[in-house]
């Protein structure tokens, strides 16, 4: 762990990622929920539990909002790609 870092003058390959996360005011409302059983990796659950504790919220709520954000971003385009994903045309 004490190895020295060697820096070079190579050009950086940076890519700008569009911010697709919703602002806090869009997260304040409650939607109808559907209970599901989902097995997650231990490291994922541990991460969300530690973050939830830091931010004084529930880890399940954080996971739900993450999934909702993903659907809001990619949900409309998924129906266009569904025939390719299943191999049906």
Protein backbone atom coordinates (compact mmCIF):
# COMPACT_ATOMS: atom_id res chain seq x y z
CA UNK A 1 0.00 0.00 0.00
CA UNK A 2 3.01 2.31 0.29
CA UNK A 3 4.00 2.04 -3.37
CA UNK A 4 4.64 5.42 -4.96
CA UNK A 5 2.26 6.57 -7.65
CA UNK A 6 3.89 7.40 -10.97
CA UNK A 7 2.06 10.14 -12.83
CA UNK A 8 2.30 10.57 -16.57
CA UNK A 9 1.34 13.35 -18.95
CA UNK A 10 -1.07 11.18 -20.90
CA UNK A 11 -4.27 12.87 -22.07
CA UNK A 12 -7.35 12.16 -19.98
CA UNK A 13 -10.34 10.53 -21.62
CA UNK A 14 -13.24 12.25 -19.85
CA UNK A 15 -16.89 11.76 -20.68
CA UNK A 16 -19.72 13.99 -19.45
CA UNK A 17 -22.66 12.00 -18.06
CA UNK A 18 -26.04 13.70 -18.16
CA UNK A 19 -27.53 14.18 -14.69
CA UNK A 20 -30.74 12.15 -14.78
CA UNK A 21 -31.49 12.09 -11.05
CA UNK A 22 -34.62 13.94 -9.95
CA UNK A 23 -34.50 17.00 -7.70
CA UNK A 24 -35.54 16.51 -4.05
CA UNK A 25 -38.98 18.10 -4.50
CA UNK A 26 -39.93 15.34 -6.94
CA UNK A 27 -39.08 12.70 -4.34
CA UNK A 28 -41.36 14.07 -1.60
CA UNK A 29 -44.64 12.59 -2.86
CA UNK A 30 -45.85 9.04 -2.23
CA UNK A 31 -46.94 6.67 -4.94
CA UNK A 32 -48.94 3.47 -4.70
CA UNK A 33 -46.58 0.64 -3.84
CA UNK A 34 -46.45 -3.01 -4.80
CA UNK A 35 -44.66 -5.43 -2.49
CA UNK A 36 -42.07 -7.67 -4.14
CA UNK A 37 -39.48 -10.12 -2.92
CA UNK A 38 -36.02 -9.32 -4.24
CA UNK A 39 -32.69 -10.89 -3.37
CA UNK A 40 -29.87 -8.32 -3.39
CA UNK A 41 -26.17 -8.78 -2.78
CA UNK A 42 -24.98 -8.28 0.78
CA UNK A 43 -22.64 -5.46 -0.30
CA UNK A 44 -25.54 -3.57 -1.90
CA UNK A 45 -27.76 -3.86 1.16
CA UNK A 46 -24.88 -2.90 3.47
CA UNK A 47 -24.16 0.15 1.31
CA UNK A 48 -27.77 1.36 1.32
CA UNK A 49 -28.14 0.71 5.05
CA UNK A 50 -25.02 2.75 5.86
CA UNK A 51 -26.10 5.59 3.55
CA UNK A 52 -29.62 5.57 4.96
CA UNK A 53 -28.24 5.83 8.48
CA UNK A 54 -26.06 8.80 7.48
CA UNK A 55 -29.02 10.59 5.90
CA UNK A 56 -31.61 9.59 8.52
CA UNK A 57 -33.90 7.75 6.14
CA UNK A 58 -34.91 4.19 5.31
CA UNK A 59 -32.67 2.08 3.08
CA UNK A 60 -35.64 0.49 1.30
CA UNK A 61 -36.94 3.94 0.40
CA UNK A 62 -33.54 4.83 -1.09
CA UNK A 63 -33.52 1.66 -3.21
CA UNK A 64 -37.11 2.31 -4.35
CA UNK A 65 -36.22 5.86 -5.42
CA UNK A 66 -33.15 4.62 -7.27
CA UNK A 67 -35.24 2.10 -9.22
CA UNK A 68 -37.90 4.76 -9.93
CA UNK A 69 -35.21 7.14 -11.24
CA UNK A 70 -33.94 4.42 -13.55
CA UNK A 71 -37.46 3.78 -14.88
CA UNK A 72 -38.07 7.50 -15.38
CA UNK A 73 -34.88 7.72 -17.45
CA UNK A 74 -35.05 4.51 -19.46
CA UNK A 75 -38.68 3.43 -19.22
CA UNK A 76 -39.93 5.11 -22.39
CA UNK A 77 -37.17 3.73 -24.57
CA UNK A 78 -37.43 0.19 -23.19
CA UNK A 79 -40.62 -0.53 -25.13
CA UNK A 80 -38.82 0.34 -28.38
CA UNK A 81 -36.00 -2.08 -27.57
CA UNK A 82 -38.08 -4.92 -26.15
CA UNK A 83 -38.48 -6.76 -29.46
CA UNK A 84 -34.72 -6.78 -30.00
CA UNK A 85 -34.02 -7.99 -26.47
CA UNK A 86 -36.35 -10.96 -26.80
CA UNK A 87 -35.32 -11.81 -30.33
CA UNK A 88 -38.86 -11.23 -31.70
CA UNK A 89 -39.36 -8.93 -34.67
